[in-house]
Amino acid sequence: MFAATYNFCWQTRKPGKTGKKRDTAAMMAGLAGHVWSFDELFDAVLARTQD
């Protein structure tokens, strides 16, 4: 769950003093189009396990 949270929900900051946030790892890989909330991720995991 930590890896999924990191990849879909966690925006890291760009190096340097600007402190601007960059896209999540999943967004950079083309797997997601937006930053997911934890609730959205949790619901997606539950839906996947019930299939």
PDB file of N, CA and C in Angstrom:
ATOM      1  N   MET A   1       0.837  -1.190   0.000  1.00  0.00           N
ATOM      2  CA  MET A   1       0.000   0.000   0.000  1.00  0.00           C
ATOM      3  C   MET A   1       0.882   1.255   0.000  1.00  0.00           C
ATOM      4  N   PHE A   2       2.036   1.176   0.665  1.00  0.00           N
ATOM      5  CA  PHE A   2       2.920   2.336   0.670  1.00  0.00           C
ATOM      6  C   PHE A   2       3.400   2.664  -0.737  1.00  0.00           C
ATOM      7  N   ALA A   3       3.771   1.640  -1.498  1.00  0.00           N
ATOM      8  CA  ALA A   3       4.255   1.879  -2.860  1.00  0.00           C
ATOM      9  C   ALA A   3       3.162   2.496  -3.732  1.00  0.00           C
ATOM     10  N   ALA A   4       1.950   2.027  -3.587  1.00  0.00           N
ATOM     11  CA  ALA A   4       0.838   2.590  -4.365  1.00  0.00           C
ATOM     12  C   ALA A   4       0.573   4.034  -3.949  1.00  0.00           C
ATOM     13  N   THR A   5       0.614   4.313  -2.657  1.00  0.00           N
ATOM     14  CA  THR A   5       0.408   5.683  -2.184  1.00  0.00           C
ATOM     15  C   THR A   5       1.488   6.596  -2.722  1.00  0.00           C
ATOM     16  N   TYR A   6       2.734   6.136  -2.682  1.00  0.00           N
ATOM     17  CA  TYR A   6       3.844   6.939  -3.193  1.00  0.00           C
ATOM     18  C   TYR A   6       3.670   7.222  -4.685  1.00  0.00           C
ATOM     19  N   ASN A   7       3.292   6.211  -5.447  1.00  0.00           N
ATOM     20  CA  ASN A   7       3.207   6.364  -6.897  1.00  0.00           C
ATOM     21  C   ASN A   7       1.996   7.152  -7.372  1.00  0.00           C
ATOM     22  N   PHE A   8       0.869   7.071  -6.667  1.00  0.00           N
ATOM     23  CA  PHE A   8      -0.351   7.703  -7.147  1.00  0.00           C
ATOM     24  C   PHE A   8      -0.751   8.962  -6.382  1.00  0.00           C
ATOM     25  N   CYS A   9      -0.351   9.091  -5.116  1.00  0.00           N
ATOM     26  CA  CYS A   9      -0.847  10.186  -4.279  1.00  0.00           C
ATOM     27  C   CYS A   9       0.209  11.215  -3.876  1.00  0.00           C
ATOM     28  N   TRP A  10       1.457  10.856  -3.874  1.00  0.00           N
ATOM     29  CA  TRP A  10       2.506  11.678  -3.290  1.00  0.00           C
ATOM     30  C   TRP A  10       3.220  12.512  -4.353  1.00  0.00           C
ATOM     31  N   GLN A  11       3.094  13.812  -4.250  1.00  0.00           N
ATOM     32  CA  GLN A  11       3.806  14.707  -5.152  1.00  0.00           C
ATOM     33  C   GLN A  11       5.120  15.108  -4.499  1.00  0.00           C
ATOM     34  N   THR A  12       6.228  14.785  -5.165  1.00  0.00           N
ATOM     35  CA  THR A  12       7.532  15.176  -4.644  1.00  0.00           C
ATOM     36  C   THR A  12       7.850  16.587  -5.118  1.00  0.00           C
ATOM     37  N   ARG A  13       8.850  17.175  -4.518  1.00  0.00           N
ATOM     38  CA  ARG A  13       9.243  18.531  -4.892  1.00  0.00           C
ATOM     39  C   ARG A  13      10.437  18.501  -5.832  1.00  0.00           C
ATOM     40  N   LYS A  14      10.495  19.478  -6.719  1.00  0.00           N
ATOM     41  CA  LYS A  14      11.624  19.608  -7.632  1.00  0.00           C
ATOM     42  C   LYS A  14      12.849  20.035  -6.844  1.00  0.00           C
ATOM     43  N   PRO A  15      14.021  19.597  -7.271  1.00  0.00           N
ATOM     44  CA  PRO A  15      15.236  20.018  -6.578  1.00  0.00           C
ATOM     45  C   PRO A  15      15.448  21.529  -6.721  1.00  0.00           C
ATOM     46  N   GLY A  16      16.124  22.091  -5.780  1.00  0.00           N
ATOM     47  CA  GLY A  16      16.401  23.518  -5.828  1.00  0.00           C
ATOM     48  C   GLY A  16      15.564  24.279  -4.825  1.00  0.00           C
ATOM     49  N   LYS A  17      15.614  25.570  -4.937  1.00  0.00           N
ATOM     50  CA  LYS A  17      14.941  26.421  -3.959  1.00  0.00           C
ATOM     51  C   LYS A  17      13.521  26.804  -4.354  1.00  0.00           C
ATOM     52  N   THR A  18      13.070  26.395  -5.534  1.00  0.00           N
ATOM     53  CA  THR A  18      11.727  26.785  -5.962  1.00  0.00           C
ATOM     54  C   THR A  18      10.665  26.097  -5.130  1.00  0.00           C
ATOM     55  N   GLY A  19      10.911  24.845  -4.751  1.00  0.00           N
ATOM     56  CA  GLY A  19       9.945  24.106  -3.945  1.00  0.00           C
ATOM     57  C   GLY A  19       8.687  23.722  -4.686  1.00  0.00           C
ATOM     58  N   LYS A  20       8.683  23.845  -6.004  1.00  0.00           N
ATOM     59  CA  LYS A  20       7.496  23.496  -6.782  1.00  0.00           C
ATOM     60  C   LYS A  20       7.306  21.987  -6.789  1.00  0.00           C
ATOM     61  N   LYS A  21       6.049  21.580  -6.731  1.00  0.00           N
ATOM     62  CA  LYS A  21       5.742  20.156  -6.751  1.00  0.00           C
ATOM     63  C   LYS A  21       5.721  19.650  -8.187  1.00  0.00           C
ATOM     64  N   ARG A  22       6.175  18.419  -8.352  1.00  0.00           N
ATOM     65  CA  ARG A  22       6.100  17.809  -9.680  1.00  0.00           C
ATOM     66  C   ARG A  22       5.033  16.727  -9.667  1.00  0.00           C
ATOM     67  N   ASP A  23       4.755  16.178 -10.825  1.00  0.00           N
ATOM     68  CA  ASP A  23       3.732  15.143 -10.948  1.00  0.00           C
ATOM     69  C   ASP A  23       4.125  13.900 -10.154  1.00  0.00           C
ATOM     70  N   THR A  24       3.138  13.082  -9.840  1.00  0.00           N
ATOM     71  CA  THR A  24       3.414  11.820  -9.165  1.00  0.00           C
ATOM     72  C   THR A  24       4.110  10.874 -10.141  1.00  0.00           C
ATOM     73  N   ALA A  25       4.691   9.803  -9.610  1.00  0.00           N
ATOM     74  CA  ALA A  25       5.381   8.832 -10.452  1.00  0.00           C
ATOM     75  C   ALA A  25       4.422   8.183 -11.450  1.00  0.00           C
ATOM     76  N   ALA A  26       3.206   7.912 -11.021  1.00  0.00           N
ATOM     77  CA  ALA A  26       2.221   7.304 -11.920  1.00  0.00           C
ATOM     78  C   ALA A  26       1.835   8.266 -13.049  1.00  0.00           C
ATOM     79  N   MET A  27       1.772   9.544 -12.757  1.00  0.00           N
ATOM     80  CA  MET A  27       1.457  10.526 -13.789  1.00  0.00           C
ATOM     81  C   MET A  27       2.602  10.627 -14.798  1.00  0.00           C
ATOM     82  N   MET A  28       3.827  10.601 -14.315  1.00  0.00           N
ATOM     83  CA  MET A  28       4.975  10.670 -15.214  1.00  0.00           C
ATOM     84  C   MET A  28       5.075   9.428 -16.092  1.00  0.00           C
ATOM     85  N   ALA A  29       4.606   8.286 -15.589  1.00  0.00           N
ATOM     86  CA  ALA A  29       4.628   7.038 -16.353  1.00  0.00           C
ATOM     87  C   ALA A  29       3.417   6.898 -17.266  1.00  0.00           C
ATOM     88  N   GLY A  30       2.470   7.826 -17.175  1.00  0.00           N
ATOM     89  CA  GLY A  30       1.285   7.776 -18.016  1.00  0.00           C
ATOM     90  C   GLY A  30       0.192   6.853 -17.492  1.00  0.00           C
ATOM     91  N   LEU A  31       0.273   6.455 -16.218  1.00  0.00           N
ATOM     92  CA  LEU A  31      -0.726   5.561 -15.636  1.00  0.00           C
ATOM     93  C   LEU A  31      -1.891   6.306 -15.002  1.00  0.00           C
ATOM     94  N   ALA A  32      -1.699   7.573 -14.691  1.00  0.00           N
ATOM     95  CA  ALA A  32      -2.744   8.375 -14.044  1.00  0.00           C
ATOM     96  C   ALA A  32      -2.757   9.761 -14.674  1.00  0.00           C
ATOM     97  N   GLY A  33      -3.923  10.366 -14.692  1.00  0.00           N
ATOM     98  CA  GLY A  33      -4.057  11.694 -15.264  1.00  0.00           C
ATOM     99  C   GLY A  33      -4.157  12.790 -14.223  1.00  0.00           C
ATOM    100  N   HIS A  34      -4.218  12.395 -12.944  1.00  0.00           N
ATOM    101  CA  HIS A  34      -4.347  13.371 -11.863  1.00  0.00           C
ATOM    102  C   HIS A  34      -3.770  12.777 -10.584  1.00  0.00           C
ATOM    103  N   VAL A  35      -3.578  13.625  -9.599  1.00  0.00           N
ATOM    104  CA  VAL A  35      -3.128  13.164  -8.289  1.00  0.00           C
ATOM    105  C   VAL A  35      -4.317  12.528  -7.586  1.00  0.00           C
ATOM    106  N   TRP A  36      -4.164  11.286  -7.166  1.00  0.00           N
ATOM    107  CA  TRP A  36      -5.246  10.570  -6.517  1.00  0.00           C
ATOM    108  C   TRP A  36      -5.292  10.911  -5.035  1.00  0.00           C
ATOM    109  N   SER A  37      -6.484  10.951  -4.481  1.00  0.00           N
ATOM    110  CA  SER A  37      -6.620  11.042  -3.028  1.00  0.00           C
ATOM    111  C   SER A  37      -6.450   9.633  -2.464  1.00  0.00           C
ATOM    112  N   PHE A  38      -6.152   9.548  -1.168  1.00  0.00           N
ATOM    113  CA  PHE A  38      -6.003   8.225  -0.566  1.00  0.00           C
ATOM    114  C   PHE A  38      -7.314   7.446  -0.636  1.00  0.00           C
ATOM    115  N   ASP A  39      -8.430   8.129  -0.453  1.00  0.00           N
ATOM    116  CA  ASP A  39      -9.738   7.460  -0.528  1.00  0.00           C
ATOM    117  C   ASP A  39      -9.972   6.868  -1.914  1.00  0.00           C
ATOM    118  N   GLU A  40      -9.605   7.607  -2.933  1.00  0.00           N
ATOM    119  CA  GLU A  40      -9.766   7.125  -4.305  1.00  0.00           C
ATOM    120  C   GLU A  40      -8.893   5.889  -4.543  1.00  0.00           C
ATOM    121  N   LEU A  41      -7.667   5.917  -4.058  1.00  0.00           N
ATOM    122  CA  LEU A  41      -6.772   4.778  -4.193  1.00  0.00           C
ATOM    123  C   LEU A  41      -7.310   3.574  -3.440  1.00  0.00           C
ATOM    124  N   PHE A  42      -7.770   3.772  -2.226  1.00  0.00           N
ATOM    125  CA  PHE A  42      -8.298   2.691  -1.402  1.00  0.00           C
ATOM    126  C   PHE A  42      -9.512   2.048  -2.063  1.00  0.00           C
ATOM    127  N   ASP A  43     -10.403   2.867  -2.609  1.00  0.00           N
ATOM    128  CA  ASP A  43     -11.583   2.345  -3.311  1.00  0.00           C
ATOM    129  C   ASP A  43     -11.185   1.538  -4.547  1.00  0.00           C
ATOM    130  N   ALA A  44     -10.166   2.003  -5.275  1.00  0.00           N
ATOM    131  CA  ALA A  44      -9.697   1.280  -6.457  1.00  0.00           C
ATOM    132  C   ALA A  44      -9.101  -0.069  -6.070  1.00  0.00           C
ATOM    133  N   VAL A  45      -8.366  -0.107  -4.966  1.00  0.00           N
ATOM    134  CA  VAL A  45      -7.789  -1.372  -4.497  1.00  0.00           C
ATOM    135  C   VAL A  45      -8.888  -2.333  -4.070  1.00  0.00           C
ATOM    136  N   LEU A  46      -9.868  -1.840  -3.342  1.00  0.00           N
ATOM    137  CA  LEU A  46     -10.981  -2.705  -2.916  1.00  0.00           C
ATOM    138  C   LEU A  46     -11.761  -3.243  -4.110  1.00  0.00           C
ATOM    139  N   ALA A  47     -12.009  -2.398  -5.094  1.00  0.00           N
ATOM    140  CA  ALA A  47     -12.754  -2.819  -6.280  1.00  0.00           C
ATOM    141  C   ALA A  47     -11.961  -3.890  -7.051  1.00  0.00           C
ATOM    142  N   ARG A  48     -10.656  -3.748  -7.085  1.00  0.00           N
ATOM    143  CA  ARG A  48      -9.804  -4.702  -7.808  1.00  0.00           C
ATOM    144  C   ARG A  48      -9.772  -6.059  -7.112  1.00  0.00           C
ATOM    145  N   THR A  49      -9.802  -6.053  -5.788  1.00  0.00           N
ATOM    146  CA  THR A  49      -9.732  -7.315  -5.056  1.00  0.00           C
ATOM    147  C   THR A  49     -11.051  -8.072  -5.063  1.00  0.00           C
ATOM    148  N   GLN A  50     -12.140  -7.393  -5.373  1.00  0.00           N
ATOM    149  CA  GLN A  50     -13.445  -8.038  -5.378  1.00  0.00           C
ATOM    150  C   GLN A  50     -13.797  -8.623  -6.747  1.00  0.00           C
ATOM    151  N   ASP A  51     -12.964  -8.383  -7.745  1.00  0.00           N
ATOM    152  CA  ASP A  51     -13.233  -8.927  -9.091  1.00  0.00           C
ATOM    153  C   ASP A  51     -12.983 -10.411  -9.153  1.00  0.00           C
TER     154      ASP A  51
END
